[in-house]
Each structure stands twice: as C-alpha cells, then as structure tokens.
Protein backbone atom coordinates (compact mmCIF):
# COMPACT_ATOMS: atom_id res chain seq x y z
CA UNK A 1 76.27 104.34 122.18
CA UNK A 2 73.07 106.19 122.94
CA UNK A 3 69.61 105.09 121.84
CA UNK A 4 66.34 106.87 121.06
CA UNK A 5 62.93 105.56 120.03
CA UNK A 6 62.07 105.58 116.34
CA UNK A 7 59.03 107.70 117.09
CA UNK A 8 61.12 110.42 118.70
CA UNK A 9 63.73 110.34 115.95
CA UNK A 10 61.33 110.30 113.00
CA UNK A 11 58.35 112.32 114.15
CA UNK A 12 58.83 114.59 117.15
CA UNK A 13 62.24 116.14 116.35
CA UNK A 14 63.31 115.08 112.85
CA UNK A 15 65.41 118.14 112.04
CA UNK A 16 69.20 117.95 111.97
CA UNK A 17 71.34 121.08 112.25
CA UNK A 18 74.61 120.52 110.36
CA UNK A 19 77.67 122.76 110.18
CA UNK A 20 81.27 122.90 109.01
CA UNK A 21 84.03 125.53 109.25
CA UNK A 22 87.05 123.41 108.32
CA UNK A 23 87.86 125.60 105.30
CA UNK A 24 87.39 129.26 104.41
CA UNK A 25 83.77 128.36 103.64
CA UNK A 26 81.40 128.60 106.61
CA UNK A 27 78.35 126.45 105.95
CA UNK A 28 75.19 125.65 107.93
CA UNK A 29 72.26 123.46 106.88
CA UNK A 30 69.03 122.02 108.24
CA UNK A 31 67.89 118.60 107.05
CA UNK A 32 64.71 116.63 107.63
CA UNK A 33 65.37 112.89 107.70
CA UNK A 34 68.44 113.30 105.51
CA UNK A 35 66.82 115.70 103.01
CA UNK A 36 67.97 119.31 102.71
CA UNK A 37 65.52 122.01 103.83
CA UNK A 38 67.82 125.02 103.71
CA UNK A 39 71.46 126.05 103.75
CA UNK A 40 73.59 129.16 104.24
CA UNK A 41 77.26 129.43 103.44
CA UNK A 42 79.75 132.26 103.13
CA UNK A 43 83.46 132.91 102.62
CA UNK A 44 85.67 134.56 105.27
CA UNK A 45 87.67 132.27 107.52
CA UNK A 46 88.61 134.98 110.00
CA UNK A 47 84.93 135.69 110.70
CA UNK A 48 83.93 132.11 111.46
CA UNK A 49 84.05 132.68 115.22
CA UNK A 50 81.61 135.61 115.04
CA UNK A 51 79.54 134.51 112.05
CA UNK A 52 78.60 130.93 112.80
CA UNK A 53 75.93 131.51 115.45
CA UNK A 54 74.25 134.35 113.47
CA UNK A 55 74.18 132.07 110.41
CA UNK A 56 72.46 129.38 112.47
CA UNK A 57 69.93 131.87 113.82
CA UNK A 58 69.23 133.29 110.35
CA UNK A 59 68.76 129.85 108.83
CA UNK A 60 66.37 128.67 111.54
CA UNK A 61 64.37 131.90 111.22
CA UNK A 62 64.12 131.53 107.44
CA UNK A 63 62.71 128.02 107.91
CA UNK A 64 60.32 129.14 110.68
CA UNK A 65 62.10 126.85 113.13
CA UNK A 66 63.36 127.34 116.67
CA UNK A 67 66.15 125.66 118.57
CA UNK A 68 63.67 123.39 120.34
CA UNK A 69 62.63 121.94 116.97
CA UNK A 70 66.12 120.54 116.33
CA UNK A 71 66.58 116.85 117.05
CA UNK A 72 70.31 116.40 116.43
CA UNK A 73 73.54 118.25 115.70
CA UNK A 74 76.00 117.16 112.99
CA UNK A 75 79.44 118.70 112.56
CA UNK A 76 82.40 118.28 110.27
CA UNK A 77 85.28 117.54 112.62
CA UNK A 78 88.06 118.04 110.09
CA UNK A 79 90.74 117.73 109.09
CA UNK A 80 91.25 121.28 107.88
CA UNK A 81 92.01 124.75 109.16
CA UNK A 82 93.21 124.54 112.78
CA UNK A 83 91.11 127.44 114.05
CA UNK A 84 88.22 126.74 111.71
CA UNK A 85 87.73 123.13 112.77
CA UNK A 86 87.84 124.13 116.41
CA UNK A 87 85.10 126.75 115.97
CA UNK A 88 82.46 124.47 114.46
CA UNK A 89 83.20 121.60 116.84
CA UNK A 90 83.08 123.83 119.91
CA UNK A 91 79.83 125.48 118.81
CA UNK A 92 78.28 122.09 117.98
CA UNK A 93 79.33 120.68 121.35
CA UNK A 94 77.95 123.70 123.19
CA UNK A 95 74.60 123.54 121.39
CA UNK A 96 74.29 119.76 121.85
CA UNK A 97 75.13 120.04 125.54
CA UNK A 98 72.89 123.02 126.27
CA UNK A 99 69.91 121.66 124.30
CA UNK A 100 70.39 118.04 125.37
CA UNK A 101 70.71 116.82 121.76
CA UNK A 102 72.64 113.95 120.21
CA UNK A 103 75.89 115.00 118.54
CA UNK A 104 77.48 113.32 115.52
CA UNK A 105 80.90 114.23 114.13
CA UNK A 106 81.80 113.25 110.57
CA UNK A 107 84.79 113.62 108.27
CA UNK A 108 84.88 117.00 106.55
CA UNK A 109 86.86 115.44 103.71
CA UNK A 110 84.23 112.75 103.20
CA UNK A 111 81.53 115.44 103.06
CA UNK A 112 83.65 117.34 100.53
CA UNK A 113 84.11 114.18 98.44
CA UNK A 114 80.38 113.44 98.34
CA UNK A 115 79.30 116.99 97.57
CA UNK A 116 82.07 117.48 95.03
CA UNK A 117 81.11 114.26 93.26
CA UNK A 118 77.50 115.39 92.98
CA UNK A 119 78.64 118.73 91.54
CA UNK A 120 80.77 116.93 88.95
CA UNK A 121 77.74 114.83 88.06
CA UNK A 122 75.78 118.00 87.39
CA UNK A 123 78.44 119.97 85.52
CA UNK A 124 80.35 117.26 83.64
CA UNK A 125 79.35 114.07 81.88
CA UNK A 126 77.80 111.92 84.63
CA UNK A 127 79.24 108.51 85.43
CA UNK A 128 77.23 105.44 84.57
CA UNK A 129 75.25 103.57 87.20
CA UNK A 130 77.48 101.35 89.37
CA UNK A 131 80.68 102.57 87.67
CA UNK A 132 83.08 103.60 90.48
CA UNK A 133 84.66 107.02 90.59
CA UNK A 134 87.56 107.73 92.89
CA UNK A 135 87.11 111.16 94.44
CA UNK A 136 90.15 112.94 95.89
CA UNK A 137 89.06 115.82 98.18
CA UNK A 138 91.71 118.53 98.60
CA UNK A 139 92.10 121.15 101.31
CA UNK A 140 95.21 123.27 100.86
CA UNK A 141 97.52 122.75 103.88
CA UNK A 142 100.24 125.01 102.42
CA UNK A 143 103.85 124.09 101.70
CA UNK A 144 102.65 121.96 98.75
CA UNK A 145 100.66 119.77 101.13
CA UNK A 146 96.97 118.92 101.24
CA UNK A 147 94.50 117.43 103.65
CA UNK A 148 93.20 114.62 101.49
CA UNK A 149 92.07 111.01 101.15
CA UNK A 150 90.49 108.73 98.56
CA UNK A 151 86.78 107.94 98.46
CA UNK A 152 84.88 105.75 96.01
CA UNK A 153 81.56 107.16 94.81
CA UNK A 154 78.82 105.40 92.88
CA UNK A 155 75.55 106.46 91.28
CA UNK A 156 72.68 104.32 92.48
CA UNK A 157 69.55 103.61 90.48
CA UNK A 158 68.21 106.94 89.25
CA UNK A 159 70.41 110.01 89.70
CA UNK A 160 71.13 109.85 93.44
CA UNK A 161 74.68 109.10 94.53
CA UNK A 162 75.47 106.64 97.29
CA UNK A 163 77.48 107.50 100.39
CA UNK A 164 81.22 107.44 99.61
CA UNK A 165 83.33 104.45 100.61
CA UNK A 166 86.78 105.12 102.06
CA UNK A 167 89.63 103.78 99.90
CA UNK A 168 92.47 105.56 101.76
CA UNK A 169 92.00 107.40 105.07
CA UNK A 170 92.13 111.14 105.66
CA UNK A 171 95.57 112.62 106.23
CA UNK A 172 97.99 115.35 105.31
CA UNK A 173 100.18 114.50 102.33
CA UNK A 174 102.78 116.09 100.08
CA UNK A 175 100.98 116.41 96.77
CA UNK A 176 103.94 115.43 94.58
CA UNK A 177 104.25 112.09 96.34
CA UNK A 178 100.48 111.74 96.76
CA UNK A 179 99.61 111.72 93.05
CA UNK A 180 102.28 109.06 92.48
CA UNK A 181 100.76 107.02 95.28
CA UNK A 182 97.32 107.39 93.70
CA UNK A 183 98.66 106.12 90.37
CA UNK A 184 100.26 103.11 92.11
CA UNK A 185 97.03 102.44 94.01
CA UNK A 186 95.03 102.43 90.77
CA UNK A 187 97.51 100.07 89.11
CA UNK A 188 97.38 97.65 92.05
CA UNK A 189 93.58 97.74 92.42
CA UNK A 190 91.59 94.75 91.24
CA UNK A 191 88.58 97.00 90.62
CA UNK A 192 89.95 100.06 88.91
CA UNK A 193 87.92 103.30 88.90
CA UNK A 194 86.29 104.52 85.72
CA UNK A 195 87.67 107.98 86.45
CA UNK A 196 89.45 110.01 89.13
CA UNK A 197 88.00 113.33 90.29
CA UNK A 198 89.88 115.94 92.32
CA UNK A 199 87.48 118.24 94.20
CA UNK A 200 87.80 121.12 96.62
CA UNK A 201 90.73 123.52 96.72
CA UNK A 202 92.28 122.31 93.47
CA UNK A 203 93.70 125.59 92.14
CA UNK A 204 97.09 125.29 93.81
CA UNK A 205 97.71 121.73 92.66
CA UNK A 206 97.28 121.91 88.89
CA UNK A 207 100.84 120.70 88.23
CA UNK A 208 100.46 117.61 90.43
CA UNK A 209 97.04 116.76 88.98
CA UNK A 210 98.53 117.10 85.50
CA UNK A 211 101.08 114.42 86.41
CA UNK A 212 98.28 111.90 86.99
CA UNK A 213 96.59 112.91 83.74
CA UNK A 214 99.82 112.18 81.88
CA UNK A 215 100.56 108.89 83.63
CA UNK A 216 97.14 107.22 83.67
CA UNK A 217 94.98 106.30 80.72
CA UNK A 218 91.70 106.93 82.51
CA UNK A 219 89.74 110.16 82.78
CA UNK A 220 90.93 112.75 85.31
CA UNK A 221 88.62 115.62 86.29
CA UNK A 222 89.27 118.54 88.60
CA UNK A 223 86.42 120.52 90.13
CA UNK A 224 86.70 123.53 92.43
CA UNK A 225 84.21 122.98 95.21
CA UNK A 226 83.24 124.54 98.54
CA UNK A 227 82.11 122.14 101.22
CA UNK A 228 78.35 122.14 101.91
CA UNK A 229 76.82 121.33 105.30
CA UNK A 230 74.09 119.37 103.50
CA UNK A 231 76.56 116.52 103.08
CA UNK A 232 77.68 116.72 106.70
CA UNK A 233 74.03 116.12 107.63
CA UNK A 234 73.62 113.35 105.06
CA UNK A 235 76.65 111.54 106.46
CA UNK A 236 75.27 111.85 110.00
CA UNK A 237 71.74 110.71 109.21
CA UNK A 238 72.32 106.90 109.17
CA UNK A 239 74.11 107.12 112.49
CA UNK A 240 71.28 109.18 113.94
CA UNK A 241 68.75 106.55 112.89
CA UNK A 242 70.87 103.85 114.51
CA UNK A 243 71.35 105.85 117.70
CA UNK A 244 75.12 105.94 117.15
CA UNK A 245 76.10 109.25 118.72
CA UNK A 246 79.36 110.81 119.84
CA UNK A 247 79.94 111.76 123.44
CA UNK A 248 79.39 115.49 123.72
CA UNK A 249 82.27 115.99 126.14
CA UNK A 250 84.90 113.81 124.48
CA UNK A 251 84.37 114.60 120.78
CA UNK A 252 87.46 116.41 119.52
CA UNK A 253 88.43 117.83 116.13
CA UNK A 254 90.59 115.81 113.76
CA UNK A 255 93.35 118.38 113.46
CA UNK A 256 95.77 116.10 111.54
CA UNK A 257 98.13 119.07 111.34
CA UNK A 258 98.36 121.98 113.75
CA UNK A 259 100.42 125.12 113.92
CA UNK A 260 102.84 125.02 116.83
CA UNK A 261 100.93 125.41 120.08
CA UNK A 262 103.80 124.07 122.15
CA UNK A 263 106.02 126.31 124.24
CA UNK A 264 109.79 125.97 124.62
CA UNK A 265 109.52 126.45 128.37
CA UNK A 266 113.03 125.39 129.31
CA UNK A 267 115.20 126.42 126.38
CA UNK A 268 118.16 127.45 128.48
CA UNK A 269 117.89 124.35 130.65
CA UNK A 270 118.31 122.22 127.53
CA UNK A 271 121.68 123.91 126.87
CA UNK A 272 123.06 123.47 130.36
CA UNK A 273 122.45 123.62 134.07
CA UNK A 274 120.73 126.68 135.53
CA UNK A 275 122.55 128.77 138.10
CA UNK A 276 120.00 128.24 140.87
CA UNK A 277 121.35 130.99 143.15
CA UNK A 278 121.09 133.56 140.36
CA UNK A 279 117.70 132.12 139.40
CA UNK A 280 116.34 132.62 142.92
CA UNK A 281 117.84 136.12 143.11
CA UNK A 282 116.21 137.13 139.83
CA UNK A 283 112.80 135.91 140.93
CA UNK A 284 113.07 137.67 144.29
CA UNK A 285 114.00 140.97 142.63
CA UNK A 286 111.32 140.95 139.96
CA UNK A 287 107.75 142.15 140.41
CA UNK A 288 105.66 139.57 138.52
CA UNK A 289 101.98 140.07 137.77
CA UNK A 290 99.40 138.50 135.45
CA UNK A 291 96.63 140.34 133.61
CA UNK A 292 94.38 139.94 130.59
CA UNK A 293 95.88 140.66 127.18
CA UNK A 294 94.83 143.93 125.52
CA UNK A 295 94.85 145.04 121.89
CA UNK A 296 97.75 147.43 122.52
CA UNK A 297 99.87 144.43 123.63
CA UNK A 298 99.75 142.80 120.19
CA UNK A 299 102.93 144.35 118.67
CA UNK A 300 105.05 143.05 121.56
CA UNK A 301 103.25 139.69 121.51
CA UNK A 302 104.14 139.31 117.84
CA UNK A 303 107.80 139.93 118.70
CA UNK A 304 107.66 137.08 121.22
CA UNK A 305 105.93 134.87 118.62
CA UNK A 306 108.77 135.55 116.17
CA UNK A 307 111.32 134.60 118.83
CA UNK A 308 109.51 131.44 119.84
CA UNK A 309 107.86 129.69 116.88
CA UNK A 310 108.72 128.68 113.33
CA UNK A 311 105.13 129.43 112.28
CA UNK A 312 104.22 132.50 114.37
CA UNK A 313 100.71 133.90 114.58
CA UNK A 314 100.02 137.24 112.89
CA UNK A 315 98.84 140.45 114.52
CA UNK A 316 95.50 139.97 112.78
CA UNK A 317 95.11 136.52 114.31
CA UNK A 318 95.59 137.90 117.82
CA UNK A 319 93.26 140.81 117.15
CA UNK A 320 90.58 138.37 115.99
CA UNK A 321 91.07 136.22 119.09
CA UNK A 322 90.68 139.22 121.42
CA UNK A 323 87.74 140.89 119.67
CA UNK A 324 85.73 138.12 118.03
CA UNK A 325 86.42 134.78 119.71
CA UNK A 326 84.13 134.31 122.68
CA UNK A 327 85.97 131.15 123.73
CA UNK A 328 89.45 132.72 123.94
CA UNK A 329 91.28 133.86 127.09
CA UNK A 330 94.77 135.34 126.82
CA UNK A 331 97.00 136.25 129.77
CA UNK A 332 100.03 138.55 129.97
CA UNK A 333 102.97 137.91 132.29
CA UNK A 334 104.39 141.26 133.36
CA UNK A 335 107.89 141.61 134.80
CA UNK A 336 108.46 145.00 136.45
CA UNK A 337 105.71 146.41 134.24
CA UNK A 338 107.09 144.97 130.99
CA UNK A 339 105.64 142.09 128.96
CA UNK A 340 107.76 139.02 129.62
CA UNK A 341 105.47 136.38 128.15
CA UNK A 342 101.92 135.37 127.46
CA UNK A 343 99.63 132.35 127.37
CA UNK A 344 96.33 131.59 125.68
CA UNK A 345 93.57 129.04 125.82
CA UNK A 346 90.08 128.30 124.57
CA UNK A 347 87.43 127.52 127.17
CA UNK A 348 84.90 125.12 125.66
CA UNK A 349 82.25 124.09 128.17
CA UNK A 350 84.26 122.43 130.98
CA UNK A 351 87.47 121.98 128.98
CA UNK A 352 90.42 124.31 128.44
CA UNK A 353 92.52 123.94 125.27
CA UNK A 354 95.95 125.60 125.44
CA UNK A 355 96.71 127.46 122.20
CA UNK A 356 99.97 129.31 122.87
CA UNK A 357 102.48 129.90 125.64
CA UNK A 358 105.69 131.85 125.09
CA UNK A 359 108.32 133.70 127.13
CA UNK A 360 110.73 136.34 125.84
CA UNK A 361 114.13 134.81 125.15
CA UNK A 362 115.85 137.08 127.68
CA UNK A 363 113.67 135.69 130.48
CA UNK A 364 113.87 131.99 129.65
CA UNK A 365 115.35 129.48 132.05
CA UNK A 366 113.65 131.16 135.04
CA UNK A 367 110.65 128.80 135.24
CA UNK A 368 108.37 131.59 134.03
CA UNK A 369 106.79 129.27 131.49
CA UNK A 370 105.75 127.05 134.37
CA UNK A 371 104.23 130.00 136.18
CA UNK A 372 102.35 131.03 133.03
CA UNK A 373 100.90 127.57 132.65
CA UNK A 374 99.97 127.48 136.32
CA UNK A 375 98.18 130.80 135.87
CA UNK A 376 96.26 129.45 132.88
CA UNK A 377 95.28 126.39 134.92
CA UNK A 378 94.23 128.59 137.85
CA UNK A 379 92.16 130.87 135.62
CA UNK A 380 90.56 127.97 133.76
CA UNK A 381 89.59 126.33 137.05
CA UNK A 382 88.18 129.61 138.38
CA UNK A 383 86.02 129.92 135.25
CA UNK A 384 84.62 126.41 135.67
CA UNK A 385 86.88 124.21 133.53
CA UNK A 386 87.48 120.71 134.85
CA UNK A 387 90.18 119.57 132.41
CA UNK A 388 92.96 121.07 130.31
CA UNK A 389 94.71 119.74 127.20
CA UNK A 390 97.83 120.63 125.22
CA UNK A 391 100.27 119.12 122.71
CA UNK A 392 104.05 118.73 122.92
CA UNK A 393 106.76 117.42 120.62
CA UNK A 394 107.52 113.74 121.14
CA UNK A 395 111.22 114.59 121.47
CA UNK A 396 110.76 117.37 124.03
CA UNK A 397 111.13 115.29 127.18
CA UNK A 398 111.98 118.33 129.35
CA UNK A 399 108.63 119.96 128.56
CA UNK A 400 106.83 116.64 129.01
CA UNK A 401 108.40 116.28 132.46
CA UNK A 402 107.24 119.78 133.34
CA UNK A 403 103.70 119.05 132.20
CA UNK A 404 103.68 115.79 134.16
CA UNK A 405 104.85 117.74 137.20
CA UNK A 406 101.72 119.88 136.82
CA UNK A 407 99.44 116.86 136.54
CA UNK A 408 99.29 116.29 132.77
CA UNK A 409 99.25 112.74 131.45
CA UNK A 410 99.83 111.44 127.93
CA UNK A 411 96.67 110.07 126.30
CA UNK A 412 97.63 109.70 122.65
CA UNK A 413 99.76 110.70 119.68
CA UNK A 414 99.07 112.86 116.63
CA UNK A 415 101.24 111.60 113.79
CA UNK A 416 103.13 114.18 111.74
CA UNK A 417 101.76 117.02 113.86
CA UNK A 418 104.63 119.49 113.27
CA UNK A 419 105.09 120.75 109.75
CA UNK A 420 108.77 121.65 109.95
CA UNK A 421 110.00 118.08 110.42
CA UNK A 422 106.83 115.94 110.52
CA UNK A 423 107.47 115.12 114.19
CA UNK A 424 104.70 113.48 116.22
CA UNK A 425 102.90 115.33 119.00
CA UNK A 426 102.04 113.88 122.38
CA UNK A 427 98.49 114.76 123.47
CA UNK A 428 98.32 115.47 127.18
CA UNK A 429 95.38 116.09 129.52
CA UNK A 430 95.18 117.19 133.14
CA UNK A 431 92.36 117.36 135.64
CA UNK A 432 92.12 120.86 137.08
CA UNK A 433 91.92 121.35 140.85
CA UNK A 434 88.87 122.88 142.41
CA UNK A 435 89.37 126.61 142.95
CA UNK A 436 89.49 127.74 146.57
CA UNK A 437 88.11 131.24 146.71
CA UNK A 438 88.86 133.79 149.38
CA UNK A 439 86.47 134.14 152.29
CA UNK A 440 84.82 137.23 150.88
CA UNK A 441 84.47 135.54 147.47
CA UNK A 442 86.15 138.40 145.63
CA UNK A 443 89.26 136.70 144.25
CA UNK A 444 90.10 138.09 140.79
CA UNK A 445 90.95 135.30 138.31
CA UNK A 446 92.81 137.65 135.99
CA UNK A 447 95.48 138.85 138.44
CA UNK A 448 97.57 136.54 140.59
CA UNK A 449 100.98 135.23 141.50
CA UNK A 450 101.05 132.28 139.10
CA UNK A 451 100.16 129.68 141.71
CA UNK A 452 97.06 127.50 141.82
CA UNK A 453 95.28 128.50 145.00
C-alpha cells in the first residue's frame, strides 16, 4: 500500500481522472474530492481503442485542466467486454505510470449498480431512507449469460445514496439459473430487500426478469442504464484518501470470461506420435519467414480462425486491431510464401499479452506453433517487454508443457474461462530474455527465423 500526505491529496492535486470501457459505452469523468466536475461518454465499442485518449483530452480541455493537474487515475477493471476492459485498463496503467500517479481499479459492475440505482431513484418512486434495495447489474455476455452480481444500496439522510455493499460477488452466470438463485437468496435472507432492481443491459433478459416478478411478492424494477465513469471515481475516492492504491505494473483486468486466446499448438501430437524423420524433412525443405500482418492478409487469417477456434474473430475485429489499436502487434508465419499461421499480442508498457496464435490445420504437428510463440517472445523482448502472459485450458497438458518449455509458469486460475464447456483457464507468465542485437545494431524485429536471439 502506498501513502501520500493529506495536504497533497486534498489540496495540490485533488482531481481524479476516471474511465471505463467494459461495455459498448466509453465513459470518462473528472472528479474533485469525489464530486463530479465533468463527464463524456459515447457508444461504439469498436472505437474504444482510438476514442479513449481523445475523450480524455477533450474533457480536460473543457474543464481548463492539464494532465499535470490530475492527482489520481481510477479505472473500471471489469468484468465485461474482453477487448473493452483491456483498453481502459491499459490506458489507465500507461497514464499512471508515465505521470507518476496513483492507480485504483474498481469493479465495473459495482459502478454500474451504484449509478443505475441513482437513476432509478430519479426516474421511479425513490426508496425510503435506510430501506435496502438489491441492485442486479447486467452486462450481456451472450448465450443467455450475463456478467452480474448482487449489491445492496441504501439512501442515506437526504437524497444521496451510500456506496453499494456486495451481497454476491461479480461473475458470469446463466440468467435462467441466476434469477432462481436470486429468489432463493431473498427467501433465505434475514434482512430481505424492499425491492430488487435490474440495471444495465436489461433488454435481452426480459423473460428471466419476468420469472422473478412472478415468483416474488416484492417490487421488481428494470432500468436500462449505461455505466458512468462518475461512479468509477466515486468508488475509488475512499481508497485514494486512505492511500490504498493498486500496483501500476500488476493491476490486471477482471476478464471473468474471455474468448479463446489459446492455440491448439500440437493437435496432431495429441492424436498420435509424430513421424520425426518426416517432420525434420519438412522443416528442412520449407522456407519459413516471419513478417508483420497486413490488411490484405485478413481473409486468409479468418480462414485459419475458423479452423482453429469455436469463437473465431471477425474480419472487422482484425481490421480494427491493425488500424486502430496502438498496443497490438500481429505476426505472419510464411511457408514458401504462403500464410501458414499467425500470432498476436498487446504490448502494454513492459508486458506482452498474447491474444491469438493459430496454425493452418495442414501444417500442424510440425512445431510451427512453438516457433510462432518464440517469434512473439523475441519481438516483444526487442520492443522492450520484460514479461509475457497467456491463458491455456486446464486440460491441455501438452500445450502447458510446451509453454513451460519456453519459460512460462502457472500463476493462477480463471474459473469458467471457456464458454463452450465452462472449463477453467490456467494463467501463465514468463520472463522474457534480454534481446542481443547484432553488432551494427540493425536487427529487424519483424523478420526472423523464429528463435530468440
């Protein structure tokens, strides 16, 4: 835990820059000692990576503030959209690191619950003072699932609401089972809520919400609501006062659920032994090169995605990564001039986050996935990254052994990571070796032989 004098916190740099991109709503706010000064938000999830920094600049300019006036950074760290959460957290970390500011990550769902409750108070009959309301924030996770939790909200003396209290933690849940669990939780609670309020992306869950309305005698309200960065800042403010900050380098998003970022590197090896003589002959005959991905590669990349993943990325997603995402680096593995595979990563300060690796099915079992990963590690190290992280299915021991061979070590588990069967993911990290450059210092990090030099 870091500390800071009360004078510095309250007088010299009292402004907090708060942001969240966990949903399709991109929102930025500036607060002064927990009170909102100004806010900008817009809709367009695919533009978050190019729109967030301009939003910040526009907001500061409108308030006649500069970056040096900011005293802290607050960010919603999810759960929510995989790419969206990553954008706001990476930008917040970069700003905090470059400006030397304290960083505080908060639950995006808790911010949604608090802001949604206040909107219900304004637009519906307000709850009485000290009468608890259970607020259920909803972010659509597709396949009839939601990122959600339960928070208890109260109105204090006057009209101001108190910070929500967690009743059930954030997670991803099937809505049909979730509303039944909520009903059981209410029945078993010694202090039952006066009403239950669903807020956020409620439109796709009308049928499930209706079930609770029909099976509970209390009031059920649903309120469409877009998360506001004001409440991200309000959640962070008490921690800022106490000097309770997150480590800028180790703060990570709460993904809860991710699209598949794991590669099936050794698919053929899982089916049987590899003919090593043929394997060596193939590698000797092929001309293998690595280069940066280009827009004209996208149609073939999408074919490989379809071959490799149950939830493949779209052409638009790759186009956005190549044209708008300043953190993204994507490499092509060429075999005799043809695309045989690709790998991608996000470079965030001194960390590299692997997003995708895939090899065409016809080339699998030749250890090309290993060479792709080595090339990503080499490139990341060349560009200044010190560590790399990825996720792998808990059952995929062959891939885990490969990653361990390359220096990765397991550091944790993400429960229910994979949507197809709710399998856990193993989180792995590796320290990257220092890059040894050629004597003339002209080594090109985008073309190589797949080895870490």
